[in-house]
Amino acid sequence: MRSDSHNVNDTSNVVIALNCAIEKAVVAKDFPLLTSAYAEEFVFTHGTGLVQSKNEWLESLREPSSRFVSREPEQTSVEFQDHSAIVSGSILIHRESANGNSKYGIRYVRVFSDVTGAWQLVSHKTTEQWEL
């Protein structure tokens, strides 16, 4: 029993660490990390309703006229189902673009999968967005 609980806690820590590493990689434009962290079938559903594939999202991050100054996770929880981890939380975001600076918060639900033997993000859905 103890080892199962210990394994769940360890796995939860791994998933949360990857979730945080993704936020830092978005800010740093660390494309090697992002390319490996996002599954090929990754789908990003923004709070605006825009839906992007992995390649579309990564291309949008490459835009020189727009960059994330910070993406600070606030609350994070993990729930496990079979080979998936469902992560919900909130992030405070500061973004600069040609249109100026914006600061906002989001709540999200993300699904990570370990089918390939390594955790990867397969889905992000923003469920709420607000201005700061």
C-alpha atoms as a PDB file:
ATOM      1  CA  MET A   1       0.000   0.000   0.000  1.00  0.00           C
ATOM      2  CA  ARG A   2       2.648   2.497   0.984  1.00  0.00           C
ATOM      3  CA  SER A   3       4.575   1.963  -2.244  1.00  0.00           C
ATOM      4  CA  ASP A   4       1.442   2.611  -4.370  1.00  0.00           C
ATOM      5  CA  SER A   5       0.787   5.851  -2.522  1.00  0.00           C
ATOM      6  CA  HIS A   6       4.461   6.733  -2.785  1.00  0.00           C
ATOM      7  CA  ASN A   7       4.426   6.028  -6.555  1.00  0.00           C
ATOM      8  CA  VAL A   8       1.341   8.195  -7.078  1.00  0.00           C
ATOM      9  CA  ASN A   9       2.995  11.042  -5.164  1.00  0.00           C
ATOM     10  CA  ASP A  10       6.205  10.634  -7.180  1.00  0.00           C
ATOM     11  CA  THR A  11       4.283  10.549 -10.469  1.00  0.00           C
ATOM     12  CA  SER A  12       2.230  13.560  -9.420  1.00  0.00           C
ATOM     13  CA  ASN A  13       5.454  15.464  -8.703  1.00  0.00           C
ATOM     14  CA  VAL A  14       6.847  14.483 -12.124  1.00  0.00           C
ATOM     15  CA  VAL A  15       3.720  15.697 -13.925  1.00  0.00           C
ATOM     16  CA  ILE A  16       3.586  18.962 -11.949  1.00  0.00           C
ATOM     17  CA  ALA A  17       7.288  19.553 -12.641  1.00  0.00           C
ATOM     18  CA  LEU A  18       6.722  18.995 -16.380  1.00  0.00           C
ATOM     19  CA  ASN A  19       3.720  21.316 -16.287  1.00  0.00           C
ATOM     20  CA  CYS A  20       5.886  24.057 -14.711  1.00  0.00           C
ATOM     21  CA  ALA A  21       8.782  23.350 -17.098  1.00  0.00           C
ATOM     22  CA  ILE A  22       6.425  23.900 -20.035  1.00  0.00           C
ATOM     23  CA  GLU A  23       5.466  27.346 -18.675  1.00  0.00           C
ATOM     24  CA  LYS A  24       9.132  28.312 -18.317  1.00  0.00           C
ATOM     25  CA  ALA A  25       9.887  26.955 -21.804  1.00  0.00           C
ATOM     26  CA  VAL A  26       7.091  29.055 -23.343  1.00  0.00           C
ATOM     27  CA  VAL A  27       8.632  32.194 -21.788  1.00  0.00           C
ATOM     28  CA  ALA A  28      12.186  31.201 -22.807  1.00  0.00           C
ATOM     29  CA  LYS A  29      11.051  30.026 -26.266  1.00  0.00           C
ATOM     30  CA  ASP A  30      12.774  26.718 -25.530  1.00  0.00           C
ATOM     31  CA  PHE A  31      11.525  24.892 -28.612  1.00  0.00           C
ATOM     32  CA  PRO A  32      13.457  21.633 -28.058  1.00  0.00           C
ATOM     33  CA  LEU A  33      11.760  21.184 -24.670  1.00  0.00           C
ATOM     34  CA  LEU A  34       8.351  22.215 -26.016  1.00  0.00           C
ATOM     35  CA  THR A  35       8.652  19.924 -29.035  1.00  0.00           C
ATOM     36  CA  SER A  36       9.307  16.935 -26.792  1.00  0.00           C
ATOM     37  CA  ALA A  37       6.802  17.936 -24.082  1.00  0.00           C
ATOM     38  CA  TYR A  38       3.843  18.310 -26.484  1.00  0.00           C
ATOM     39  CA  ALA A  39       2.481  15.123 -28.048  1.00  0.00           C
ATOM     40  CA  GLU A  40       2.131  15.138 -31.834  1.00  0.00           C
ATOM     41  CA  GLU A  41      -1.677  15.170 -31.425  1.00  0.00           C
ATOM     42  CA  PHE A  42      -1.562  18.126 -28.967  1.00  0.00           C
ATOM     43  CA  VAL A  43      -4.561  20.477 -29.185  1.00  0.00           C
ATOM     44  CA  PHE A  44      -4.610  23.928 -27.557  1.00  0.00           C
ATOM     45  CA  THR A  45      -8.046  25.460 -26.993  1.00  0.00           C
ATOM     46  CA  HIS A  46      -7.608  29.104 -25.972  1.00  0.00           C
ATOM     47  CA  GLY A  47     -10.025  31.097 -23.844  1.00  0.00           C
ATOM     48  CA  THR A  48     -10.961  33.047 -26.985  1.00  0.00           C
ATOM     49  CA  GLY A  49     -12.158  29.840 -28.640  1.00  0.00           C
ATOM     50  CA  LEU A  50      -9.158  29.620 -30.980  1.00  0.00           C
ATOM     51  CA  VAL A  51      -8.042  26.000 -31.426  1.00  0.00           C
ATOM     52  CA  GLN A  52      -4.441  25.287 -32.447  1.00  0.00           C
ATOM     53  CA  SER A  53      -2.491  22.144 -33.242  1.00  0.00           C
ATOM     54  CA  LYS A  54       0.984  21.576 -31.838  1.00  0.00           C
ATOM     55  CA  ASN A  55       2.625  23.069 -34.932  1.00  0.00           C
ATOM     56  CA  GLU A  56       0.281  26.082 -35.020  1.00  0.00           C
ATOM     57  CA  TRP A  57       0.922  26.840 -31.327  1.00  0.00           C
ATOM     58  CA  LEU A  58       4.696  26.506 -31.692  1.00  0.00           C
ATOM     59  CA  GLU A  59       4.660  28.751 -34.784  1.00  0.00           C
ATOM     60  CA  SER A  60       2.704  31.399 -32.859  1.00  0.00           C
ATOM     61  CA  LEU A  61       5.402  31.330 -30.158  1.00  0.00           C
ATOM     62  CA  ARG A  62       8.057  31.985 -32.810  1.00  0.00           C
ATOM     63  CA  GLU A  63       6.470  35.331 -33.732  1.00  0.00           C
ATOM     64  CA  PRO A  64       9.090  38.017 -32.969  1.00  0.00           C
ATOM     65  CA  SER A  65       6.435  40.699 -32.354  1.00  0.00           C
ATOM     66  CA  SER A  66       4.937  38.813 -29.405  1.00  0.00           C
ATOM     67  CA  ARG A  67       6.485  37.228 -26.336  1.00  0.00           C
ATOM     68  CA  PHE A  68       5.517  36.009 -22.914  1.00  0.00           C
ATOM     69  CA  VAL A  69       7.317  37.936 -20.167  1.00  0.00           C
ATOM     70  CA  SER A  70       6.071  35.550 -17.481  1.00  0.00           C
ATOM     71  CA  ARG A  71       3.693  32.637 -16.935  1.00  0.00           C
ATOM     72  CA  GLU A  72       3.380  31.955 -13.204  1.00  0.00           C
ATOM     73  CA  PRO A  73       1.417  28.862 -12.141  1.00  0.00           C
ATOM     74  CA  GLU A  74      -0.723  29.556  -9.087  1.00  0.00           C
ATOM     75  CA  GLN A  75      -2.758  26.492  -8.234  1.00  0.00           C
ATOM     76  CA  THR A  76      -2.234  23.016  -9.627  1.00  0.00           C
ATOM     77  CA  SER A  77      -3.944  19.711  -8.939  1.00  0.00           C
ATOM     78  CA  VAL A  78      -3.491  16.315 -10.584  1.00  0.00           C
ATOM     79  CA  GLU A  79      -5.922  13.445 -11.023  1.00  0.00           C
ATOM     80  CA  PHE A  80      -4.897  10.131 -12.607  1.00  0.00           C
ATOM     81  CA  GLN A  81      -7.002   7.997 -14.967  1.00  0.00           C
ATOM     82  CA  ASP A  82      -5.389   4.936 -16.590  1.00  0.00           C
ATOM     83  CA  HIS A  83      -2.384   6.282 -18.560  1.00  0.00           C
ATOM     84  CA  SER A  84      -3.460   9.912 -18.245  1.00  0.00           C
ATOM     85  CA  ALA A  85      -2.990  12.734 -15.787  1.00  0.00           C
ATOM     86  CA  ILE A  86      -5.615  15.473 -15.703  1.00  0.00           C
ATOM     87  CA  VAL A  87      -4.056  18.681 -14.451  1.00  0.00           C
ATOM     88  CA  SER A  88      -6.156  21.678 -13.516  1.00  0.00           C
ATOM     89  CA  GLY A  89      -4.862  24.982 -12.313  1.00  0.00           C
ATOM     90  CA  SER A  90      -4.425  28.666 -12.922  1.00  0.00           C
ATOM     91  CA  ILE A  91      -1.643  30.799 -14.364  1.00  0.00           C
ATOM     92  CA  LEU A  92      -0.907  34.529 -14.165  1.00  0.00           C
ATOM     93  CA  ILE A  93       0.395  35.699 -17.534  1.00  0.00           C
ATOM     94  CA  HIS A  94       2.267  38.806 -18.701  1.00  0.00           C
ATOM     95  CA  ARG A  95       2.588  39.124 -22.471  1.00  0.00           C
ATOM     96  CA  GLU A  96       4.133  41.787 -24.710  1.00  0.00           C
ATOM     97  CA  SER A  97       3.062  42.250 -28.315  1.00  0.00           C
ATOM     98  CA  ALA A  98       2.914  44.892 -31.026  1.00  0.00           C
ATOM     99  CA  ASN A  99      -0.433  45.905 -29.486  1.00  0.00           C
ATOM    100  CA  GLY A 100       1.164  46.563 -26.075  1.00  0.00           C
ATOM    101  CA  ASN A 101       1.398  44.701 -22.785  1.00  0.00           C
ATOM    102  CA  SER A 102      -1.327  42.505 -21.399  1.00  0.00           C
ATOM    103  CA  LYS A 103      -1.642  40.877 -18.004  1.00  0.00           C
ATOM    104  CA  TYR A 104      -4.275  38.264 -17.398  1.00  0.00           C
ATOM    105  CA  GLY A 105      -5.038  35.082 -15.562  1.00  0.00           C
ATOM    106  CA  ILE A 106      -6.397  31.806 -16.846  1.00  0.00           C
ATOM    107  CA  ARG A 107      -7.841  28.637 -15.405  1.00  0.00           C
ATOM    108  CA  TYR A 108      -7.193  25.529 -17.440  1.00  0.00           C
ATOM    109  CA  VAL A 109      -7.548  21.781 -17.724  1.00  0.00           C
ATOM    110  CA  ARG A 110      -4.662  19.845 -19.290  1.00  0.00           C
ATOM    111  CA  VAL A 111      -4.357  16.201 -20.141  1.00  0.00           C
ATOM    112  CA  PHE A 112      -0.967  14.497 -20.054  1.00  0.00           C
ATOM    113  CA  SER A 113      -0.408  10.956 -21.320  1.00  0.00           C
ATOM    114  CA  ASP A 114       2.353   8.427 -20.634  1.00  0.00           C
ATOM    115  CA  VAL A 115       1.484   5.990 -23.424  1.00  0.00           C
ATOM    116  CA  THR A 116       4.921   6.425 -25.036  1.00  0.00           C
ATOM    117  CA  GLY A 117       6.744   5.834 -21.733  1.00  0.00           C
ATOM    118  CA  ALA A 118       7.287   9.544 -21.111  1.00  0.00           C
ATOM    119  CA  TRP A 119       4.705  12.076 -20.018  1.00  0.00           C
ATOM    120  CA  GLN A 120       3.538  14.410 -22.810  1.00  0.00           C
ATOM    121  CA  LEU A 121       0.881  17.093 -22.940  1.00  0.00           C
ATOM    122  CA  VAL A 122      -1.936  16.098 -25.297  1.00  0.00           C
ATOM    123  CA  SER A 123      -4.543  18.766 -24.552  1.00  0.00           C
ATOM    124  CA  HIS A 124      -4.850  22.225 -23.013  1.00  0.00           C
ATOM    125  CA  LYS A 125      -8.230  23.911 -22.611  1.00  0.00           C
ATOM    126  CA  THR A 126      -8.565  27.351 -21.064  1.00  0.00           C
ATOM    127  CA  THR A 127     -11.785  27.345 -19.067  1.00  0.00           C
ATOM    128  CA  GLU A 128     -11.730  30.924 -17.768  1.00  0.00           C
ATOM    129  CA  GLN A 129      -9.752  34.077 -18.500  1.00  0.00           C
ATOM    130  CA  TRP A 130      -9.654  37.440 -16.711  1.00  0.00           C
ATOM    131  CA  GLU A 131      -7.682  40.681 -16.897  1.00  0.00           C
ATOM    132  CA  LEU A 132      -5.281  41.590 -14.095  1.00  0.00           C
END
